[in-house]
C-alpha cells in the first residue's frame, strides 16, 4: 500500500512510544482471535508483524518500520486499518491517533448523558451555581442556583443551551455578566482550542456557522485565531435586585480532560454568599 499521507510524522519521542504501544497490542492477540491458524512455534506471544500487516492490508516492510519507530508519515486510513487489525478499543484507538499525530476520521463521540450521582451533587451545591458543560460548550444540566445567573434554561430549546450562544446573543447570562467582552474573548479562544480535536464533526462546524451569522462580534473574534487552555477563574454578575456577585469558578472533569465537565461557582466574598442565601430563601418561599 502506498504511504501518501494526510498527517505529519510524529516526533521522535512519540514514534518511540507509538512503536512500543503497537508491539504491546500485537503481542496480546492470539491468531485464533483474528481467525488465523496457529501454525508453527512462536518465539514471542501474539501475532507476527506480517500477520498484522496482512490483516490491515498494508506492506510488511511498512508496518515493520512503523513498529521500529522509523520516521515515516502515516495516513489516517492506514491507522484506521491497523486499529481494526489489532482489535483496539475506543480508548486505545484514540491513543494510537494521538501518538501518530493524526486526526481520527471516526472520533469517539462524547456522551451527552449526565449521571444521577452528578445531578445529585449539583443539587447539593445549592445555593452555589453549578452546571455540566460539554466540550462543545453545550449546557447538559444545571442546578436551580445556576438559573439565577443564566435565566430559565428549561424554557430554552435544547439546541440553544450553549455557552457561546449565551454570551454572543441577548440572553440573561450575557446581560448579567459584568465583563462581557472578556468573557467572549476567553470562551472563543478556548472553544477554538477544543475544536482542534473535533474539526471534522458536523455539529461543531454547524455551531461556528450559526454563530457567524448571529453575531458579528463572534465572527470578528473567530477570525483572530486566538487559542487558550481551559482554566479556573473569576466571574462577576449583577442580577436585577442584587448587588455585585463575585465568584471563583472551578472545572471538575467528568471524563477525559477535553470532555465534559461540571463547573461550580463559589462565592468570593461574604456579601455574595449572603445574597445567594437570600435568593435561595426567596425561592423556597415561592
C-alpha atoms as a PDB file:
ATOM      1  CA  UNK A   1       0.000   0.000   0.000  1.00  0.00           C
ATOM      2  CA  UNK A   2       1.292   3.483  -0.820  1.00  0.00           C
ATOM      3  CA  UNK A   3       2.158   5.764   2.062  1.00  0.00           C
ATOM      4  CA  UNK A   4       0.805   9.051   0.709  1.00  0.00           C
ATOM      5  CA  UNK A   5      -0.477  10.821   3.752  1.00  0.00           C
ATOM      6  CA  UNK A   6      -2.719  13.466   5.242  1.00  0.00           C
ATOM      7  CA  UNK A   7      -0.903  13.657   8.577  1.00  0.00           C
ATOM      8  CA  UNK A   8       2.604  14.726   9.602  1.00  0.00           C
ATOM      9  CA  UNK A   9       5.023  12.259  11.087  1.00  0.00           C
ATOM     10  CA  UNK A  10       5.175  12.300  14.887  1.00  0.00           C
ATOM     11  CA  UNK A  11       8.209  13.433  16.876  1.00  0.00           C
ATOM     12  CA  UNK A  12      10.987  11.011  17.821  1.00  0.00           C
ATOM     13  CA  UNK A  13       9.693  10.570  21.371  1.00  0.00           C
ATOM     14  CA  UNK A  14       6.169   9.878  20.166  1.00  0.00           C
ATOM     15  CA  UNK A  15       7.429   7.495  17.460  1.00  0.00           C
ATOM     16  CA  UNK A  16       9.228   5.508  20.165  1.00  0.00           C
ATOM     17  CA  UNK A  17       6.072   5.399  22.283  1.00  0.00           C
ATOM     18  CA  UNK A  18       3.973   4.504  19.232  1.00  0.00           C
ATOM     19  CA  UNK A  19       6.299   1.603  18.384  1.00  0.00           C
ATOM     20  CA  UNK A  20       6.143   0.229  21.926  1.00  0.00           C
ATOM     21  CA  UNK A  21       2.360   0.589  22.015  1.00  0.00           C
ATOM     22  CA  UNK A  22       1.903  -1.282  18.726  1.00  0.00           C
ATOM     23  CA  UNK A  23       4.183  -4.118  19.862  1.00  0.00           C
ATOM     24  CA  UNK A  24       2.303  -4.485  23.140  1.00  0.00           C
ATOM     25  CA  UNK A  25      -1.069  -4.603  21.366  1.00  0.00           C
ATOM     26  CA  UNK A  26       0.196  -7.095  18.777  1.00  0.00           C
ATOM     27  CA  UNK A  27       1.651  -9.429  21.387  1.00  0.00           C
ATOM     28  CA  UNK A  28      -1.588  -9.736  23.331  1.00  0.00           C
ATOM     29  CA  UNK A  29      -3.627 -11.091  20.386  1.00  0.00           C
ATOM     30  CA  UNK A  30      -3.629 -14.790  19.546  1.00  0.00           C
ATOM     31  CA  UNK A  31      -4.020 -15.940  15.917  1.00  0.00           C
ATOM     32  CA  UNK A  32      -7.296 -17.640  16.849  1.00  0.00           C
ATOM     33  CA  UNK A  33      -8.781 -14.293  17.933  1.00  0.00           C
ATOM     34  CA  UNK A  34      -8.495 -12.921  14.414  1.00  0.00           C
ATOM     35  CA  UNK A  35      -9.282 -16.125  12.519  1.00  0.00           C
ATOM     36  CA  UNK A  36      -5.733 -17.145  11.652  1.00  0.00           C
ATOM     37  CA  UNK A  37      -4.379 -20.690  12.064  1.00  0.00           C
ATOM     38  CA  UNK A  38      -1.884 -21.134  14.917  1.00  0.00           C
ATOM     39  CA  UNK A  39       0.885 -22.752  12.855  1.00  0.00           C
ATOM     40  CA  UNK A  40       4.487 -23.355  13.894  1.00  0.00           C
ATOM     41  CA  UNK A  41       6.356 -22.441  17.024  1.00  0.00           C
ATOM     42  CA  UNK A  42       6.317 -18.754  18.012  1.00  0.00           C
ATOM     43  CA  UNK A  43       9.273 -17.099  19.671  1.00  0.00           C
ATOM     44  CA  UNK A  44       7.058 -14.343  21.027  1.00  0.00           C
ATOM     45  CA  UNK A  45       3.419 -14.343  22.115  1.00  0.00           C
ATOM     46  CA  UNK A  46       0.700 -12.942  19.961  1.00  0.00           C
ATOM     47  CA  UNK A  47       0.671 -12.131  16.269  1.00  0.00           C
ATOM     48  CA  UNK A  48       3.657 -11.787  13.979  1.00  0.00           C
ATOM     49  CA  UNK A  49       4.271  -8.482  12.221  1.00  0.00           C
ATOM     50  CA  UNK A  50       3.473  -9.985   8.834  1.00  0.00           C
ATOM     51  CA  UNK A  51       0.140 -11.197  10.193  1.00  0.00           C
ATOM     52  CA  UNK A  52      -0.808  -7.704  11.380  1.00  0.00           C
ATOM     53  CA  UNK A  53       0.255  -6.320   8.007  1.00  0.00           C
ATOM     54  CA  UNK A  54      -1.912  -8.931   6.260  1.00  0.00           C
ATOM     55  CA  UNK A  55      -4.929  -8.156   8.442  1.00  0.00           C
ATOM     56  CA  UNK A  56      -4.526  -4.410   7.903  1.00  0.00           C
ATOM     57  CA  UNK A  57      -3.784  -4.816   4.164  1.00  0.00           C
ATOM     58  CA  UNK A  58      -0.518  -2.849   4.407  1.00  0.00           C
ATOM     59  CA  UNK A  59       3.010  -3.746   3.359  1.00  0.00           C
ATOM     60  CA  UNK A  60       5.055  -5.877   5.762  1.00  0.00           C
ATOM     61  CA  UNK A  61       8.082  -3.615   5.399  1.00  0.00           C
ATOM     62  CA  UNK A  62       5.994  -0.525   6.063  1.00  0.00           C
ATOM     63  CA  UNK A  63       4.419  -1.994   9.189  1.00  0.00           C
ATOM     64  CA  UNK A  64       7.837  -3.163  10.412  1.00  0.00           C
ATOM     65  CA  UNK A  65       9.174   0.364  10.030  1.00  0.00           C
ATOM     66  CA  UNK A  66       6.201   1.675  11.995  1.00  0.00           C
ATOM     67  CA  UNK A  67       6.938  -0.730  14.853  1.00  0.00           C
ATOM     68  CA  UNK A  68      10.619   0.188  14.714  1.00  0.00           C
ATOM     69  CA  UNK A  69       9.847   3.853  15.254  1.00  0.00           C
ATOM     70  CA  UNK A  70      11.098   4.898  11.814  1.00  0.00           C
ATOM     71  CA  UNK A  71      10.493   8.484  10.692  1.00  0.00           C
ATOM     72  CA  UNK A  72       7.655   7.757   8.269  1.00  0.00           C
ATOM     73  CA  UNK A  73       4.394   9.539   7.647  1.00  0.00           C
ATOM     74  CA  UNK A  74       1.161   7.721   8.326  1.00  0.00           C
ATOM     75  CA  UNK A  75      -2.221   8.189   6.679  1.00  0.00           C
ATOM     76  CA  UNK A  76      -5.385   8.151   8.747  1.00  0.00           C
ATOM     77  CA  UNK A  77      -6.740   5.363   6.519  1.00  0.00           C
ATOM     78  CA  UNK A  78      -3.781   3.119   7.382  1.00  0.00           C
ATOM     79  CA  UNK A  79      -4.027   3.935  11.095  1.00  0.00           C
ATOM     80  CA  UNK A  80      -7.709   3.024  10.963  1.00  0.00           C
ATOM     81  CA  UNK A  81      -6.860  -0.315   9.342  1.00  0.00           C
ATOM     82  CA  UNK A  82      -4.135  -1.038  11.931  1.00  0.00           C
ATOM     83  CA  UNK A  83      -6.509  -0.159  14.783  1.00  0.00           C
ATOM     84  CA  UNK A  84      -9.055  -2.645  13.486  1.00  0.00           C
ATOM     85  CA  UNK A  85      -6.438  -5.338  12.897  1.00  0.00           C
ATOM     86  CA  UNK A  86      -5.179  -5.010  16.481  1.00  0.00           C
ATOM     87  CA  UNK A  87      -8.722  -5.039  17.918  1.00  0.00           C
ATOM     88  CA  UNK A  88      -8.183  -1.713  19.686  1.00  0.00           C
ATOM     89  CA  UNK A  89     -10.964  -0.435  21.906  1.00  0.00           C
ATOM     90  CA  UNK A  90     -12.082   3.200  21.678  1.00  0.00           C
ATOM     91  CA  UNK A  91      -9.553   4.459  24.243  1.00  0.00           C
ATOM     92  CA  UNK A  92      -6.672   2.571  22.642  1.00  0.00           C
ATOM     93  CA  UNK A  93      -7.710   3.788  19.203  1.00  0.00           C
ATOM     94  CA  UNK A  94      -7.718   7.409  20.379  1.00  0.00           C
ATOM     95  CA  UNK A  95      -4.283   6.867  21.936  1.00  0.00           C
ATOM     96  CA  UNK A  96      -2.960   5.451  18.653  1.00  0.00           C
ATOM     97  CA  UNK A  97      -4.040   8.512  16.681  1.00  0.00           C
ATOM     98  CA  UNK A  98      -2.623  10.902  19.274  1.00  0.00           C
ATOM     99  CA  UNK A  99       0.767   9.149  19.213  1.00  0.00           C
ATOM    100  CA  UNK A 100       0.771   9.202  15.408  1.00  0.00           C
ATOM    101  CA  UNK A 101      -0.058  12.916  15.378  1.00  0.00           C
ATOM    102  CA  UNK A 102      -3.115  12.321  13.210  1.00  0.00           C
ATOM    103  CA  UNK A 103      -6.787  13.234  13.405  1.00  0.00           C
ATOM    104  CA  UNK A 104      -9.119  10.298  13.862  1.00  0.00           C
ATOM    105  CA  UNK A 105     -11.666  10.286  10.992  1.00  0.00           C
ATOM    106  CA  UNK A 106     -14.123   8.453  13.250  1.00  0.00           C
ATOM    107  CA  UNK A 107     -13.611  10.050  16.670  1.00  0.00           C
ATOM    108  CA  UNK A 108     -15.306   8.749  19.786  1.00  0.00           C
ATOM    109  CA  UNK A 109     -18.498  10.667  20.312  1.00  0.00           C
ATOM    110  CA  UNK A 110     -18.760  12.408  23.632  1.00  0.00           C
ATOM    111  CA  UNK A 111     -21.537  11.016  25.770  1.00  0.00           C
ATOM    112  CA  UNK A 112     -24.132  13.713  26.397  1.00  0.00           C
ATOM    113  CA  UNK A 113     -25.784  11.945  29.313  1.00  0.00           C
ATOM    114  CA  UNK A 114     -25.442  13.164  32.883  1.00  0.00           C
ATOM    115  CA  UNK A 115     -25.412  10.504  35.583  1.00  0.00           C
ATOM    116  CA  UNK A 116     -27.739  10.553  38.564  1.00  0.00           C
ATOM    117  CA  UNK A 117     -24.848  10.999  41.043  1.00  0.00           C
ATOM    118  CA  UNK A 118     -23.647  14.076  39.165  1.00  0.00           C
ATOM    119  CA  UNK A 119     -27.149  15.550  39.246  1.00  0.00           C
ATOM    120  CA  UNK A 120     -27.380  14.855  42.978  1.00  0.00           C
ATOM    121  CA  UNK A 121     -24.030  16.515  43.564  1.00  0.00           C
ATOM    122  CA  UNK A 122     -25.136  19.640  41.701  1.00  0.00           C
ATOM    123  CA  UNK A 123     -28.277  19.853  43.802  1.00  0.00           C
ATOM    124  CA  UNK A 124     -26.214  19.529  46.985  1.00  0.00           C
ATOM    125  CA  UNK A 125     -24.157  22.568  45.920  1.00  0.00           C
ATOM    126  CA  UNK A 126     -27.250  24.800  46.120  1.00  0.00           C
ATOM    127  CA  UNK A 127     -27.197  27.777  46.647  1.00  0.00           C
ATOM    128  CA  UNK A 128     -23.892  27.743  44.766  1.00  0.00           C
ATOM    129  CA  UNK A 129     -24.490  27.744  40.977  1.00  0.00           C
ATOM    130  CA  UNK A 130     -23.292  24.693  39.037  1.00  0.00           C
ATOM    131  CA  UNK A 131     -23.729  23.307  35.531  1.00  0.00           C
ATOM    132  CA  UNK A 132     -22.478  20.381  33.449  1.00  0.00           C
ATOM    133  CA  UNK A 133     -20.956  21.600  30.185  1.00  0.00           C
ATOM    134  CA  UNK A 134     -19.734  19.550  27.221  1.00  0.00           C
ATOM    135  CA  UNK A 135     -16.537  20.166  25.269  1.00  0.00           C
ATOM    136  CA  UNK A 136     -18.709  21.946  22.671  1.00  0.00           C
ATOM    137  CA  UNK A 137     -19.979  24.217  25.465  1.00  0.00           C
ATOM    138  CA  UNK A 138     -23.471  22.756  25.458  1.00  0.00           C
ATOM    139  CA  UNK A 139     -25.147  23.020  28.880  1.00  0.00           C
ATOM    140  CA  UNK A 140     -26.213  19.455  29.634  1.00  0.00           C
ATOM    141  CA  UNK A 141     -27.581  20.006  33.147  1.00  0.00           C
ATOM    142  CA  UNK A 142     -27.701  22.699  35.823  1.00  0.00           C
ATOM    143  CA  UNK A 143     -28.983  23.317  39.323  1.00  0.00           C
ATOM    144  CA  UNK A 144     -31.536  25.898  40.462  1.00  0.00           C
ATOM    145  CA  UNK A 145     -28.886  28.412  41.519  1.00  0.00           C
ATOM    146  CA  UNK A 146     -27.359  28.423  38.039  1.00  0.00           C
ATOM    147  CA  UNK A 147     -30.681  29.634  36.647  1.00  0.00           C
ATOM    148  CA  UNK A 148     -30.262  32.821  38.702  1.00  0.00           C
ATOM    149  CA  UNK A 149     -27.251  33.612  36.512  1.00  0.00           C
ATOM    150  CA  UNK A 150     -28.439  32.187  33.196  1.00  0.00           C
ATOM    151  CA  UNK A 151     -32.213  32.556  33.339  1.00  0.00           C
ATOM    152  CA  UNK A 152     -34.798  29.802  32.950  1.00  0.00           C
ATOM    153  CA  UNK A 153     -32.876  27.359  30.757  1.00  0.00           C
ATOM    154  CA  UNK A 154     -35.724  24.845  30.909  1.00  0.00           C
ATOM    155  CA  UNK A 155     -37.675  27.271  28.718  1.00  0.00           C
ATOM    156  CA  UNK A 156     -34.805  27.445  26.181  1.00  0.00           C
ATOM    157  CA  UNK A 157     -34.713  24.915  23.289  1.00  0.00           C
ATOM    158  CA  UNK A 158     -32.052  22.267  23.858  1.00  0.00           C
ATOM    159  CA  UNK A 159     -30.105  23.311  20.758  1.00  0.00           C
ATOM    160  CA  UNK A 160     -29.818  26.852  22.161  1.00  0.00           C
ATOM    161  CA  UNK A 161     -28.442  25.828  25.570  1.00  0.00           C
ATOM    162  CA  UNK A 162     -24.877  26.617  24.632  1.00  0.00           C
ATOM    163  CA  UNK A 163     -22.402  28.932  26.359  1.00  0.00           C
ATOM    164  CA  UNK A 164     -21.245  30.592  23.137  1.00  0.00           C
ATOM    165  CA  UNK A 165     -24.825  31.348  22.130  1.00  0.00           C
ATOM    166  CA  UNK A 166     -25.494  32.651  25.629  1.00  0.00           C
ATOM    167  CA  UNK A 167     -22.632  35.169  25.596  1.00  0.00           C
ATOM    168  CA  UNK A 168     -22.934  36.253  21.941  1.00  0.00           C
ATOM    169  CA  UNK A 169     -26.716  36.778  21.832  1.00  0.00           C
ATOM    170  CA  UNK A 170     -29.127  38.742  24.013  1.00  0.00           C
ATOM    171  CA  UNK A 171     -29.652  36.375  26.944  1.00  0.00           C
ATOM    172  CA  UNK A 172     -29.932  36.828  30.720  1.00  0.00           C
ATOM    173  CA  UNK A 173     -26.446  35.357  31.133  1.00  0.00           C
ATOM    174  CA  UNK A 174     -24.937  37.971  28.809  1.00  0.00           C
ATOM    175  CA  UNK A 175     -26.903  40.782  30.455  1.00  0.00           C
ATOM    176  CA  UNK A 176     -25.870  39.689  33.954  1.00  0.00           C
ATOM    177  CA  UNK A 177     -22.140  39.339  33.211  1.00  0.00           C
ATOM    178  CA  UNK A 178     -20.103  42.338  34.327  1.00  0.00           C
ATOM    179  CA  UNK A 179     -17.201  41.952  31.863  1.00  0.00           C
ATOM    180  CA  UNK A 180     -18.936  40.535  28.807  1.00  0.00           C
ATOM    181  CA  UNK A 181     -16.154  41.375  26.362  1.00  0.00           C
ATOM    182  CA  UNK A 182     -13.526  39.488  28.353  1.00  0.00           C
ATOM    183  CA  UNK A 183     -15.871  36.503  28.698  1.00  0.00           C
ATOM    184  CA  UNK A 184     -16.479  36.476  24.952  1.00  0.00           C
ATOM    185  CA  UNK A 185     -12.787  36.592  24.088  1.00  0.00           C
ATOM    186  CA  UNK A 186     -11.989  33.826  26.561  1.00  0.00           C
ATOM    187  CA  UNK A 187     -14.705  31.405  25.522  1.00  0.00           C
ATOM    188  CA  UNK A 188     -13.915  31.803  21.799  1.00  0.00           C
ATOM    189  CA  UNK A 189     -10.203  31.126  22.376  1.00  0.00           C
ATOM    190  CA  UNK A 190     -10.934  28.055  24.483  1.00  0.00           C
ATOM    191  CA  UNK A 191     -13.560  26.789  22.045  1.00  0.00           C
ATOM    192  CA  UNK A 192     -11.137  27.121  19.122  1.00  0.00           C
ATOM    193  CA  UNK A 193      -8.508  25.139  21.032  1.00  0.00           C
ATOM    194  CA  UNK A 194     -11.073  22.433  21.850  1.00  0.00           C
ATOM    195  CA  UNK A 195     -12.252  22.291  18.250  1.00  0.00           C
ATOM    196  CA  UNK A 196      -8.834  21.059  17.118  1.00  0.00           C
ATOM    197  CA  UNK A 197      -9.963  17.579  18.225  1.00  0.00           C
ATOM    198  CA  UNK A 198     -13.390  17.919  16.576  1.00  0.00           C
ATOM    199  CA  UNK A 199     -12.724  19.861  13.358  1.00  0.00           C
ATOM    200  CA  UNK A 200     -14.307  17.175  11.168  1.00  0.00           C
ATOM    201  CA  UNK A 201     -17.506  16.875  13.204  1.00  0.00           C
ATOM    202  CA  UNK A 202     -20.564  18.459  11.528  1.00  0.00           C
ATOM    203  CA  UNK A 203     -22.127  19.649  14.804  1.00  0.00           C
ATOM    204  CA  UNK A 204     -19.052  21.719  15.657  1.00  0.00           C
ATOM    205  CA  UNK A 205     -18.816  23.251  12.196  1.00  0.00           C
ATOM    206  CA  UNK A 206     -22.536  23.966  12.220  1.00  0.00           C
ATOM    207  CA  UNK A 207     -22.265  25.809  15.538  1.00  0.00           C
ATOM    208  CA  UNK A 208     -19.469  28.013  14.189  1.00  0.00           C
ATOM    209  CA  UNK A 209     -21.517  28.764  11.072  1.00  0.00           C
ATOM    210  CA  UNK A 210     -24.566  29.626  13.132  1.00  0.00           C
ATOM    211  CA  UNK A 211     -22.614  31.933  15.432  1.00  0.00           C
ATOM    212  CA  UNK A 212     -21.003  33.698  12.479  1.00  0.00           C
ATOM    213  CA  UNK A 213     -24.450  34.564  11.134  1.00  0.00           C
ATOM    214  CA  UNK A 214     -25.913  35.557  14.504  1.00  0.00           C
ATOM    215  CA  UNK A 215     -23.065  37.641  15.866  1.00  0.00           C
ATOM    216  CA  UNK A 216     -20.618  39.943  14.084  1.00  0.00           C
ATOM    217  CA  UNK A 217     -18.714  40.043  17.395  1.00  0.00           C
ATOM    218  CA  UNK A 218     -18.206  36.280  17.243  1.00  0.00           C
ATOM    219  CA  UNK A 219     -17.172  36.399  13.573  1.00  0.00           C
ATOM    220  CA  UNK A 220     -14.576  39.035  14.396  1.00  0.00           C
ATOM    221  CA  UNK A 221     -13.252  37.123  17.402  1.00  0.00           C
ATOM    222  CA  UNK A 222     -13.148  33.861  15.427  1.00  0.00           C
ATOM    223  CA  UNK A 223     -11.028  35.431  12.687  1.00  0.00           C
ATOM    224  CA  UNK A 224      -8.345  36.368  15.234  1.00  0.00           C
ATOM    225  CA  UNK A 225      -7.484  32.650  15.620  1.00  0.00           C
ATOM    226  CA  UNK A 226      -6.620  33.035  19.281  1.00  0.00           C
ATOM    227  CA  UNK A 227      -6.427  29.887  21.397  1.00  0.00           C
ATOM    228  CA  UNK A 228      -6.367  29.325  25.140  1.00  0.00           C
ATOM    229  CA  UNK A 229      -6.412  26.391  27.523  1.00  0.00           C
ATOM    230  CA  UNK A 230      -9.157  25.583  29.996  1.00  0.00           C
ATOM    231  CA  UNK A 231      -8.683  27.477  33.259  1.00  0.00           C
ATOM    232  CA  UNK A 232     -10.401  28.184  36.539  1.00  0.00           C
ATOM    233  CA  UNK A 233     -11.023  31.840  37.232  1.00  0.00           C
ATOM    234  CA  UNK A 234     -13.236  34.664  38.428  1.00  0.00           C
ATOM    235  CA  UNK A 235     -16.581  35.948  37.161  1.00  0.00           C
ATOM    236  CA  UNK A 236     -18.794  38.788  38.304  1.00  0.00           C
ATOM    237  CA  UNK A 237     -22.538  39.183  37.805  1.00  0.00           C
ATOM    238  CA  UNK A 238     -25.161  41.771  38.630  1.00  0.00           C
ATOM    239  CA  UNK A 239     -28.701  40.388  38.720  1.00  0.00           C
ATOM    240  CA  UNK A 240     -31.858  42.516  38.895  1.00  0.00           C
ATOM    241  CA  UNK A 241     -32.393  43.455  42.527  1.00  0.00           C
ATOM    242  CA  UNK A 242     -28.939  42.319  43.702  1.00  0.00           C
ATOM    243  CA  UNK A 243     -25.573  43.898  44.244  1.00  0.00           C
ATOM    244  CA  UNK A 244     -22.335  42.703  42.716  1.00  0.00           C
ATOM    245  CA  UNK A 245     -21.955  38.906  42.863  1.00  0.00           C
ATOM    246  CA  UNK A 246     -18.344  37.726  42.740  1.00  0.00           C
ATOM    247  CA  UNK A 247     -17.491  34.085  42.080  1.00  0.00           C
ATOM    248  CA  UNK A 248     -14.498  31.853  41.708  1.00  0.00           C
ATOM    249  CA  UNK A 249     -15.415  29.139  39.226  1.00  0.00           C
ATOM    250  CA  UNK A 250     -13.778  25.717  39.066  1.00  0.00           C
ATOM    251  CA  UNK A 251     -13.897  22.983  36.414  1.00  0.00           C
ATOM    252  CA  UNK A 252     -14.479  19.455  37.695  1.00  0.00           C
ATOM    253  CA  UNK A 253     -13.734  16.988  34.901  1.00  0.00           C
ATOM    254  CA  UNK A 254     -16.232  14.149  34.488  1.00  0.00           C
ATOM    255  CA  UNK A 255     -14.179  12.280  31.889  1.00  0.00           C
ATOM    256  CA  UNK A 256     -11.183  12.995  29.660  1.00  0.00           C
ATOM    257  CA  UNK A 257      -9.614  16.406  30.212  1.00  0.00           C
ATOM    258  CA  UNK A 258     -11.037  17.677  26.916  1.00  0.00           C
ATOM    259  CA  UNK A 259     -14.523  16.322  27.551  1.00  0.00           C
ATOM    260  CA  UNK A 260     -17.495  17.063  29.762  1.00  0.00           C
ATOM    261  CA  UNK A 261     -17.001  18.966  32.998  1.00  0.00           C
ATOM    262  CA  UNK A 262     -19.027  20.317  35.870  1.00  0.00           C
ATOM    263  CA  UNK A 263     -18.448  23.999  36.572  1.00  0.00           C
ATOM    264  CA  UNK A 264     -19.089  25.187  40.116  1.00  0.00           C
ATOM    265  CA  UNK A 265     -19.338  28.832  41.212  1.00  0.00           C
ATOM    266  CA  UNK A 266     -18.139  29.535  44.755  1.00  0.00           C
ATOM    267  CA  UNK A 267     -18.735  32.964  46.372  1.00  0.00           C
ATOM    268  CA  UNK A 268     -15.572  35.035  46.510  1.00  0.00           C
ATOM    269  CA  UNK A 269     -16.818  37.166  49.389  1.00  0.00           C
ATOM    270  CA  UNK A 270     -19.318  37.112  52.226  1.00  0.00           C
ATOM    271  CA  UNK A 271     -21.680  39.562  50.505  1.00  0.00           C
ATOM    272  CA  UNK A 272     -22.090  37.179  47.562  1.00  0.00           C
ATOM    273  CA  UNK A 273     -22.678  34.232  49.881  1.00  0.00           C
ATOM    274  CA  UNK A 274     -25.367  36.153  51.775  1.00  0.00           C
ATOM    275  CA  UNK A 275     -27.066  37.212  48.539  1.00  0.00           C
ATOM    276  CA  UNK A 276     -27.176  33.602  47.317  1.00  0.00           C
ATOM    277  CA  UNK A 277     -28.733  32.502  50.591  1.00  0.00           C
ATOM    278  CA  UNK A 278     -31.327  35.261  50.243  1.00  0.00           C
ATOM    279  CA  UNK A 279     -32.156  34.104  46.714  1.00  0.00           C
ATOM    280  CA  UNK A 280     -32.463  30.513  47.953  1.00  0.00           C
ATOM    281  CA  UNK A 281     -34.785  31.503  50.783  1.00  0.00           C
ATOM    282  CA  UNK A 282     -36.915  33.541  48.407  1.00  0.00           C
ATOM    283  CA  UNK A 283     -37.173  30.592  46.017  1.00  0.00           C
ATOM    284  CA  UNK A 284     -38.204  28.268  48.834  1.00  0.00           C
ATOM    285  CA  UNK A 285     -40.839  30.749  49.986  1.00  0.00           C
ATOM    286  CA  UNK A 286     -42.323  30.832  46.490  1.00  0.00           C
END
